[in-house]
Amino acid sequence: MKILIKIILLTGILGYLVFAFTTLSHDEEQRICIGTEIILEDSTGNFVNRQFVEQIIVQSKCPIQGRNIKDIDIRTIEASIQNSPYIDSVACHYTSTDILCIRVLPRKPVLHVMSDNGEKYYMDINGNDMPTDIFLQDLCLATGDISKEYAKEHLVQIAVYVNTHAPWNKEIQQIHVRSPKHIEITLSTGSHTVVLGEPTDIQGKLNRLQNFYEEGLNKVGWNKYSIIDLNYADQIVCTKKQKK
């Protein structure tokens, strides 16, 4: 008797699954996509906008609106968007109202590099480089003897610190690399050059510089020195301007 009941139950479950699968498959074949919804995660303002993503979709030659859902090539759409150097990740799914939802995470540039070797690019927090020929970003500028490996290993972390800490996010205008162990910065205040030296202990060096500004230059004047060198531990070496 128990075996018979189990057989009946299993038959019923199997029949339901076949019915559900057939019904869902039929519904899927009849569903029409009525449009798209583009969601930018952690948007970087005008760096990547909805129009930019829509243009990529058009270029992918994968029509969406008005087409049967089963005929829309979502993987090609995702791959086309993902292939953009300005995009970190993308994922697509359909809503219950048959709208194709496209979630896009743009890469967030933190550094603008203009190297002596002629290379120009943005670089994001993960060290991914991006062309500069499409967008104009007001970012921390790095110039000089810079390879992409050096920028990724050393300059990105400097740029992240500068961008997220006042007053440096407004004060530091440029990072200049004379050699791998000699970095200089240009500030909007004063006419002196600040030498960081090696790309290490940036927070400590800038903290010393801020204290020097507050306790030193505010008293002796901002135009007294031509060079402020922070390359030495626990001290600041200044070079006076030569009198003309």
C-alpha atoms as a PDB file:
ATOM      1  CA  MET A   1       0.000   0.000   0.000  1.00  0.00           C
ATOM      2  CA  LYS A   2       2.779   2.417   0.947  1.00  0.00           C
ATOM      3  CA  ILE A   3       4.631   1.621  -2.256  1.00  0.00           C
ATOM      4  CA  LEU A   4       1.505   2.342  -4.298  1.00  0.00           C
ATOM      5  CA  ILE A   5       1.028   5.704  -2.565  1.00  0.00           C
ATOM      6  CA  LYS A   6       4.659   6.640  -3.271  1.00  0.00           C
ATOM      7  CA  ILE A   7       4.237   5.704  -6.930  1.00  0.00           C
ATOM      8  CA  ILE A   8       1.072   7.836  -7.180  1.00  0.00           C
ATOM      9  CA  LEU A   9       2.809  10.791  -5.512  1.00  0.00           C
ATOM     10  CA  LEU A  10       5.890  10.533  -7.734  1.00  0.00           C
ATOM     11  CA  THR A  11       3.700  10.269 -10.828  1.00  0.00           C
ATOM     12  CA  GLY A  12       1.756  13.340  -9.747  1.00  0.00           C
ATOM     13  CA  ILE A  13       4.950  15.353  -9.118  1.00  0.00           C
ATOM     14  CA  LEU A  14       6.429  14.271 -12.435  1.00  0.00           C
ATOM     15  CA  GLY A  15       3.225  15.223 -14.228  1.00  0.00           C
ATOM     16  CA  TYR A  16       3.212  18.659 -12.559  1.00  0.00           C
ATOM     17  CA  LEU A  17       6.836  19.290 -13.504  1.00  0.00           C
ATOM     18  CA  VAL A  18       6.151  18.363 -17.135  1.00  0.00           C
ATOM     19  CA  PHE A  19       3.087  20.643 -17.146  1.00  0.00           C
ATOM     20  CA  ALA A  20       4.972  23.530 -15.523  1.00  0.00           C
ATOM     21  CA  PHE A  21       7.931  23.222 -17.871  1.00  0.00           C
ATOM     22  CA  THR A  22       5.663  23.077 -20.921  1.00  0.00           C
ATOM     23  CA  THR A  23       3.638  26.076 -19.730  1.00  0.00           C
ATOM     24  CA  LEU A  24       6.683  28.166 -18.895  1.00  0.00           C
ATOM     25  CA  SER A  25       8.331  27.298 -22.194  1.00  0.00           C
ATOM     26  CA  HIS A  26       5.172  28.317 -24.006  1.00  0.00           C
ATOM     27  CA  ASP A  27       4.978  31.591 -22.051  1.00  0.00           C
ATOM     28  CA  GLU A  28       8.651  32.278 -22.747  1.00  0.00           C
ATOM     29  CA  GLU A  29       8.081  31.860 -26.463  1.00  0.00           C
ATOM     30  CA  GLN A  30       5.214  34.375 -26.349  1.00  0.00           C
ATOM     31  CA  ARG A  31       6.975  37.074 -24.267  1.00  0.00           C
ATOM     32  CA  ILE A  32       7.873  40.277 -26.080  1.00  0.00           C
ATOM     33  CA  CYS A  33      10.495  42.691 -24.746  1.00  0.00           C
ATOM     34  CA  ILE A  34       8.890  46.115 -24.436  1.00  0.00           C
ATOM     35  CA  GLY A  35      12.054  48.107 -23.747  1.00  0.00           C
ATOM     36  CA  THR A  36      15.248  48.493 -21.765  1.00  0.00           C
ATOM     37  CA  GLU A  37      16.211  49.946 -18.404  1.00  0.00           C
ATOM     38  CA  ILE A  38      19.855  50.952 -17.969  1.00  0.00           C
ATOM     39  CA  ILE A  39      21.053  51.221 -14.374  1.00  0.00           C
ATOM     40  CA  LEU A  40      24.466  52.733 -13.692  1.00  0.00           C
ATOM     41  CA  GLU A  41      25.944  51.421 -10.470  1.00  0.00           C
ATOM     42  CA  ASP A  42      28.223  53.884  -8.658  1.00  0.00           C
ATOM     43  CA  SER A  43      27.898  56.332 -11.533  1.00  0.00           C
ATOM     44  CA  THR A  44      30.825  58.614 -12.284  1.00  0.00           C
ATOM     45  CA  GLY A  45      28.643  61.406 -13.579  1.00  0.00           C
ATOM     46  CA  ASN A  46      29.241  62.217 -17.234  1.00  0.00           C
ATOM     47  CA  PHE A  47      32.132  59.770 -17.609  1.00  0.00           C
ATOM     48  CA  VAL A  48      29.739  56.953 -18.544  1.00  0.00           C
ATOM     49  CA  ASN A  49      26.074  57.805 -18.996  1.00  0.00           C
ATOM     50  CA  ARG A  50      23.005  56.018 -20.319  1.00  0.00           C
ATOM     51  CA  GLN A  51      23.437  57.442 -23.802  1.00  0.00           C
ATOM     52  CA  PHE A  52      26.930  55.959 -23.932  1.00  0.00           C
ATOM     53  CA  VAL A  53      25.610  52.480 -23.061  1.00  0.00           C
ATOM     54  CA  GLU A  54      22.724  52.811 -25.506  1.00  0.00           C
ATOM     55  CA  GLN A  55      25.177  53.629 -28.289  1.00  0.00           C
ATOM     56  CA  ILE A  56      27.144  50.452 -27.548  1.00  0.00           C
ATOM     57  CA  ILE A  57      23.915  48.432 -27.744  1.00  0.00           C
ATOM     58  CA  VAL A  58      23.090  49.977 -31.127  1.00  0.00           C
ATOM     59  CA  GLN A  59      26.572  49.159 -32.390  1.00  0.00           C
ATOM     60  CA  SER A  60      26.181  45.542 -31.210  1.00  0.00           C
ATOM     61  CA  LYS A  61      23.419  45.167 -33.818  1.00  0.00           C
ATOM     62  CA  CYS A  62      21.254  43.222 -31.387  1.00  0.00           C
ATOM     63  CA  PRO A  63      17.710  44.676 -31.611  1.00  0.00           C
ATOM     64  CA  ILE A  64      15.767  44.496 -28.362  1.00  0.00           C
ATOM     65  CA  GLN A  65      12.486  46.379 -28.165  1.00  0.00           C
ATOM     66  CA  GLY A  66       9.534  44.603 -29.777  1.00  0.00           C
ATOM     67  CA  ARG A  67      11.384  41.331 -30.251  1.00  0.00           C
ATOM     68  CA  ASN A  68      10.524  37.959 -28.781  1.00  0.00           C
ATOM     69  CA  ILE A  69      12.584  37.486 -25.627  1.00  0.00           C
ATOM     70  CA  LYS A  70      13.864  34.101 -26.737  1.00  0.00           C
ATOM     71  CA  ASP A  71      15.347  35.705 -29.865  1.00  0.00           C
ATOM     72  CA  ILE A  72      17.319  38.437 -28.067  1.00  0.00           C
ATOM     73  CA  ASP A  73      21.034  37.635 -27.748  1.00  0.00           C
ATOM     74  CA  ILE A  74      21.704  38.825 -24.196  1.00  0.00           C
ATOM     75  CA  ARG A  75      25.220  37.357 -24.109  1.00  0.00           C
ATOM     76  CA  THR A  76      26.285  39.381 -27.143  1.00  0.00           C
ATOM     77  CA  ILE A  77      24.816  42.537 -25.622  1.00  0.00           C
ATOM     78  CA  GLU A  78      26.674  41.925 -22.351  1.00  0.00           C
ATOM     79  CA  ALA A  79      29.930  41.166 -24.162  1.00  0.00           C
ATOM     80  CA  SER A  80      29.666  44.307 -26.301  1.00  0.00           C
ATOM     81  CA  ILE A  81      29.227  46.519 -23.240  1.00  0.00           C
ATOM     82  CA  GLN A  82      31.894  44.650 -21.261  1.00  0.00           C
ATOM     83  CA  ASN A  83      34.409  45.131 -24.071  1.00  0.00           C
ATOM     84  CA  SER A  84      34.376  48.894 -23.553  1.00  0.00           C
ATOM     85  CA  PRO A  85      37.524  49.996 -21.676  1.00  0.00           C
ATOM     86  CA  TYR A  86      35.308  52.293 -19.598  1.00  0.00           C
ATOM     87  CA  ILE A  87      33.152  49.457 -18.198  1.00  0.00           C
ATOM     88  CA  ASP A  88      34.051  47.307 -15.201  1.00  0.00           C
ATOM     89  CA  SER A  89      31.145  44.836 -15.312  1.00  0.00           C
ATOM     90  CA  VAL A  90      27.662  44.343 -16.771  1.00  0.00           C
ATOM     91  CA  ALA A  91      24.740  42.008 -16.092  1.00  0.00           C
ATOM     92  CA  CYS A  92      21.364  41.693 -17.852  1.00  0.00           C
ATOM     93  CA  HIS A  93      18.053  40.237 -16.721  1.00  0.00           C
ATOM     94  CA  TYR A  94      14.373  40.532 -17.583  1.00  0.00           C
ATOM     95  CA  THR A  95      11.886  42.073 -15.202  1.00  0.00           C
ATOM     96  CA  SER A  96       8.439  40.622 -14.571  1.00  0.00           C
ATOM     97  CA  THR A  97       7.082  43.273 -16.955  1.00  0.00           C
ATOM     98  CA  ASP A  98       9.310  42.080 -19.843  1.00  0.00           C
ATOM     99  CA  ILE A  99      11.798  44.930 -19.683  1.00  0.00           C
ATOM    100  CA  LEU A 100      15.456  44.096 -20.239  1.00  0.00           C
ATOM    101  CA  CYS A 101      17.305  45.507 -17.223  1.00  0.00           C
ATOM    102  CA  ILE A 102      20.985  46.252 -17.928  1.00  0.00           C
ATOM    103  CA  ARG A 103      23.102  46.919 -14.844  1.00  0.00           C
ATOM    104  CA  VAL A 104      26.426  48.565 -15.635  1.00  0.00           C
ATOM    105  CA  LEU A 105      29.322  49.281 -13.300  1.00  0.00           C
ATOM    106  CA  PRO A 106      31.604  51.907 -14.907  1.00  0.00           C
ATOM    107  CA  ARG A 107      35.275  52.045 -14.147  1.00  0.00           C
ATOM    108  CA  LYS A 108      36.100  54.998 -11.938  1.00  0.00           C
ATOM    109  CA  PRO A 109      39.178  56.944 -13.083  1.00  0.00           C
ATOM    110  CA  VAL A 110      41.418  58.334 -10.360  1.00  0.00           C
ATOM    111  CA  LEU A 111      44.486  59.385 -12.351  1.00  0.00           C
ATOM    112  CA  HIS A 112      45.284  61.075 -15.667  1.00  0.00           C
ATOM    113  CA  VAL A 113      48.699  60.042 -16.992  1.00  0.00           C
ATOM    114  CA  MET A 114      50.663  61.951 -19.634  1.00  0.00           C
ATOM    115  CA  SER A 115      53.973  60.127 -19.911  1.00  0.00           C
ATOM    116  CA  ASP A 116      57.199  61.326 -21.505  1.00  0.00           C
ATOM    117  CA  ASN A 117      56.973  58.341 -23.882  1.00  0.00           C
ATOM    118  CA  GLY A 118      53.848  59.854 -25.430  1.00  0.00           C
ATOM    119  CA  GLU A 119      51.275  57.631 -23.729  1.00  0.00           C
ATOM    120  CA  LYS A 120      48.110  59.319 -22.467  1.00  0.00           C
ATOM    121  CA  TYR A 121      45.469  57.460 -20.479  1.00  0.00           C
ATOM    122  CA  TYR A 122      43.215  57.436 -17.451  1.00  0.00           C
ATOM    123  CA  MET A 123      43.737  54.781 -14.802  1.00  0.00           C
ATOM    124  CA  ASP A 124      41.151  53.455 -12.366  1.00  0.00           C
ATOM    125  CA  ILE A 125      41.569  52.317  -8.783  1.00  0.00           C
ATOM    126  CA  ASN A 126      42.424  48.779  -9.934  1.00  0.00           C
ATOM    127  CA  GLY A 127      45.119  49.922 -12.342  1.00  0.00           C
ATOM    128  CA  ASN A 128      43.044  49.473 -15.510  1.00  0.00           C
ATOM    129  CA  ASP A 129      43.987  52.039 -18.147  1.00  0.00           C
ATOM    130  CA  MET A 130      41.394  53.833 -20.274  1.00  0.00           C
ATOM    131  CA  PRO A 131      41.711  56.046 -23.367  1.00  0.00           C
ATOM    132  CA  THR A 132      41.415  59.809 -22.909  1.00  0.00           C
ATOM    133  CA  ASP A 133      40.024  60.563 -26.338  1.00  0.00           C
ATOM    134  CA  ILE A 134      36.335  60.362 -25.412  1.00  0.00           C
ATOM    135  CA  PHE A 135      35.896  62.019 -22.051  1.00  0.00           C
ATOM    136  CA  LEU A 136      37.461  64.936 -20.260  1.00  0.00           C
ATOM    137  CA  GLN A 137      37.951  64.349 -16.547  1.00  0.00           C
ATOM    138  CA  ASP A 138      39.244  66.767 -13.931  1.00  0.00           C
ATOM    139  CA  LEU A 139      41.637  64.319 -12.292  1.00  0.00           C
ATOM    140  CA  CYS A 140      44.988  64.318 -10.590  1.00  0.00           C
ATOM    141  CA  LEU A 141      47.534  64.658 -13.407  1.00  0.00           C
ATOM    142  CA  ALA A 142      50.741  62.592 -13.516  1.00  0.00           C
ATOM    143  CA  THR A 143      53.564  63.461 -15.909  1.00  0.00           C
ATOM    144  CA  GLY A 144      57.155  62.411 -16.500  1.00  0.00           C
ATOM    145  CA  ASP A 145      59.002  59.117 -16.770  1.00  0.00           C
ATOM    146  CA  ILE A 146      56.024  56.809 -16.232  1.00  0.00           C
ATOM    147  CA  SER A 147      55.342  53.273 -17.393  1.00  0.00           C
ATOM    148  CA  LYS A 148      51.912  51.698 -16.965  1.00  0.00           C
ATOM    149  CA  GLU A 149      53.395  49.242 -14.474  1.00  0.00           C
ATOM    150  CA  TYR A 150      54.835  52.096 -12.400  1.00  0.00           C
ATOM    151  CA  ALA A 151      51.572  54.030 -12.533  1.00  0.00           C
ATOM    152  CA  LYS A 152      49.605  50.975 -11.402  1.00  0.00           C
ATOM    153  CA  GLU A 153      52.010  50.047  -8.601  1.00  0.00           C
ATOM    154  CA  HIS A 154      52.749  53.494  -7.187  1.00  0.00           C
ATOM    155  CA  LEU A 155      50.821  56.418  -8.634  1.00  0.00           C
ATOM    156  CA  VAL A 156      47.303  55.005  -8.296  1.00  0.00           C
ATOM    157  CA  GLN A 157      47.639  54.755  -4.521  1.00  0.00           C
ATOM    158  CA  ILE A 158      48.952  58.322  -4.375  1.00  0.00           C
ATOM    159  CA  ALA A 159      46.050  59.553  -6.503  1.00  0.00           C
ATOM    160  CA  VAL A 160      43.491  57.691  -4.371  1.00  0.00           C
ATOM    161  CA  TYR A 161      44.896  59.270  -1.221  1.00  0.00           C
ATOM    162  CA  VAL A 162      44.999  62.734  -2.783  1.00  0.00           C
ATOM    163  CA  ASN A 163      41.449  62.451  -4.150  1.00  0.00           C
ATOM    164  CA  THR A 164      39.977  61.394  -0.810  1.00  0.00           C
ATOM    165  CA  HIS A 165      41.806  63.688   1.605  1.00  0.00           C
ATOM    166  CA  ALA A 166      41.411  67.414   2.073  1.00  0.00           C
ATOM    167  CA  PRO A 167      43.063  69.785   1.469  1.00  0.00           C
ATOM    168  CA  TRP A 168      45.146  67.802  -1.035  1.00  0.00           C
ATOM    169  CA  ASN A 169      42.222  66.973  -3.321  1.00  0.00           C
ATOM    170  CA  LYS A 170      42.100  70.680  -4.210  1.00  0.00           C
ATOM    171  CA  GLU A 171      45.712  71.668  -3.575  1.00  0.00           C
ATOM    172  CA  ILE A 172      47.711  69.071  -5.541  1.00  0.00           C
ATOM    173  CA  GLN A 173      47.535  69.876  -9.244  1.00  0.00           C
ATOM    174  CA  GLN A 174      50.210  67.590 -10.663  1.00  0.00           C
ATOM    175  CA  ILE A 175      52.471  64.649  -9.835  1.00  0.00           C
ATOM    176  CA  HIS A 176      55.733  64.661 -11.779  1.00  0.00           C
ATOM    177  CA  VAL A 177      57.997  61.599 -11.937  1.00  0.00           C
ATOM    178  CA  ARG A 178      61.617  62.493 -12.667  1.00  0.00           C
ATOM    179  CA  SER A 179      62.758  58.947 -11.902  1.00  0.00           C
ATOM    180  CA  PRO A 180      61.255  55.929 -10.115  1.00  0.00           C
ATOM    181  CA  LYS A 181      62.683  57.222  -6.828  1.00  0.00           C
ATOM    182  CA  HIS A 182      62.122  60.927  -7.358  1.00  0.00           C
ATOM    183  CA  ILE A 183      58.553  62.234  -7.387  1.00  0.00           C
ATOM    184  CA  GLU A 184      57.583  65.892  -7.199  1.00  0.00           C
ATOM    185  CA  ILE A 185      54.181  67.527  -6.756  1.00  0.00           C
ATOM    186  CA  THR A 186      52.873  70.910  -7.816  1.00  0.00           C
ATOM    187  CA  LEU A 187      50.336  72.690  -5.646  1.00  0.00           C
ATOM    188  CA  SER A 188      47.890  75.473  -6.406  1.00  0.00           C
ATOM    189  CA  THR A 189      49.196  77.485  -3.439  1.00  0.00           C
ATOM    190  CA  GLY A 190      52.705  78.927  -3.478  1.00  0.00           C
ATOM    191  CA  SER A 191      55.368  78.893  -6.175  1.00  0.00           C
ATOM    192  CA  HIS A 192      57.608  76.176  -4.759  1.00  0.00           C
ATOM    193  CA  THR A 193      58.174  72.563  -5.798  1.00  0.00           C
ATOM    194  CA  VAL A 194      57.490  69.836  -3.258  1.00  0.00           C
ATOM    195  CA  VAL A 195      59.756  66.774  -3.481  1.00  0.00           C
ATOM    196  CA  LEU A 196      58.234  63.513  -2.222  1.00  0.00           C
ATOM    197  CA  GLY A 197      61.212  61.429  -3.285  1.00  0.00           C
ATOM    198  CA  GLU A 198      60.382  57.745  -3.318  1.00  0.00           C
ATOM    199  CA  PRO A 199      56.694  56.789  -3.623  1.00  0.00           C
ATOM    200  CA  THR A 200      56.491  55.589  -0.012  1.00  0.00           C
ATOM    201  CA  ASP A 201      54.804  56.873   3.175  1.00  0.00           C
ATOM    202  CA  ILE A 202      52.808  59.429   1.196  1.00  0.00           C
ATOM    203  CA  GLN A 203      50.402  60.066   4.067  1.00  0.00           C
ATOM    204  CA  GLY A 204      53.236  60.739   6.506  1.00  0.00           C
ATOM    205  CA  LYS A 205      55.025  63.076   4.078  1.00  0.00           C
ATOM    206  CA  LEU A 206      51.900  65.075   3.328  1.00  0.00           C
ATOM    207  CA  ASN A 207      51.065  65.314   7.019  1.00  0.00           C
ATOM    208  CA  ARG A 208      54.530  66.797   7.626  1.00  0.00           C
ATOM    209  CA  LEU A 209      53.995  69.183   4.749  1.00  0.00           C
ATOM    210  CA  GLN A 210      50.656  70.340   6.134  1.00  0.00           C
ATOM    211  CA  ASN A 211      52.194  70.956   9.563  1.00  0.00           C
ATOM    212  CA  PHE A 212      55.039  72.871   7.917  1.00  0.00           C
ATOM    213  CA  TYR A 213      52.572  75.030   6.024  1.00  0.00           C
ATOM    214  CA  GLU A 214      50.595  75.813   9.154  1.00  0.00           C
ATOM    215  CA  GLU A 215      53.529  76.391  11.502  1.00  0.00           C
ATOM    216  CA  GLY A 216      56.223  77.545   9.077  1.00  0.00           C
ATOM    217  CA  LEU A 217      55.170  79.149   5.833  1.00  0.00           C
ATOM    218  CA  ASN A 218      52.267  81.004   7.398  1.00  0.00           C
ATOM    219  CA  LYS A 219      54.885  82.856   9.458  1.00  0.00           C
ATOM    220  CA  VAL A 220      57.874  83.258   7.106  1.00  0.00           C
ATOM    221  CA  GLY A 221      55.928  83.653   3.885  1.00  0.00           C
ATOM    222  CA  TRP A 222      54.875  81.357   1.064  1.00  0.00           C
ATOM    223  CA  ASN A 223      57.413  82.626  -1.450  1.00  0.00           C
ATOM    224  CA  LYS A 224      60.563  82.187   0.615  1.00  0.00           C
ATOM    225  CA  TYR A 225      61.510  78.723  -0.683  1.00  0.00           C
ATOM    226  CA  SER A 226      61.852  77.284  -4.169  1.00  0.00           C
ATOM    227  CA  ILE A 227      62.035  73.627  -3.060  1.00  0.00           C
ATOM    228  CA  ILE A 228      60.525  71.806  -0.072  1.00  0.00           C
ATOM    229  CA  ASP A 229      62.018  68.329   0.209  1.00  0.00           C
ATOM    230  CA  LEU A 230      60.139  65.658   2.176  1.00  0.00           C
ATOM    231  CA  ASN A 231      62.347  62.761   1.176  1.00  0.00           C
ATOM    232  CA  TYR A 232      64.123  62.547   4.515  1.00  0.00           C
ATOM    233  CA  ALA A 233      62.567  60.839   7.511  1.00  0.00           C
ATOM    234  CA  ASP A 234      61.140  63.146  10.199  1.00  0.00           C
ATOM    235  CA  GLN A 235      62.517  66.309   8.635  1.00  0.00           C
ATOM    236  CA  ILE A 236      61.950  68.845   5.916  1.00  0.00           C
ATOM    237  CA  VAL A 237      64.799  70.321   3.868  1.00  0.00           C
ATOM    238  CA  CYS A 238      64.087  73.658   2.187  1.00  0.00           C
ATOM    239  CA  THR A 239      65.971  75.527  -0.511  1.00  0.00           C
ATOM    240  CA  LYS A 240      65.674  79.306  -0.408  1.00  0.00           C
ATOM    241  CA  LYS A 241      64.846  81.199  -3.542  1.00  0.00           C
ATOM    242  CA  GLN A 242      67.797  82.971  -5.116  1.00  0.00           C
ATOM    243  CA  LYS A 243      67.576  86.702  -5.159  1.00  0.00           C
ATOM    244  CA  LYS A 244      67.452  88.185  -8.633  1.00  0.00           C
END
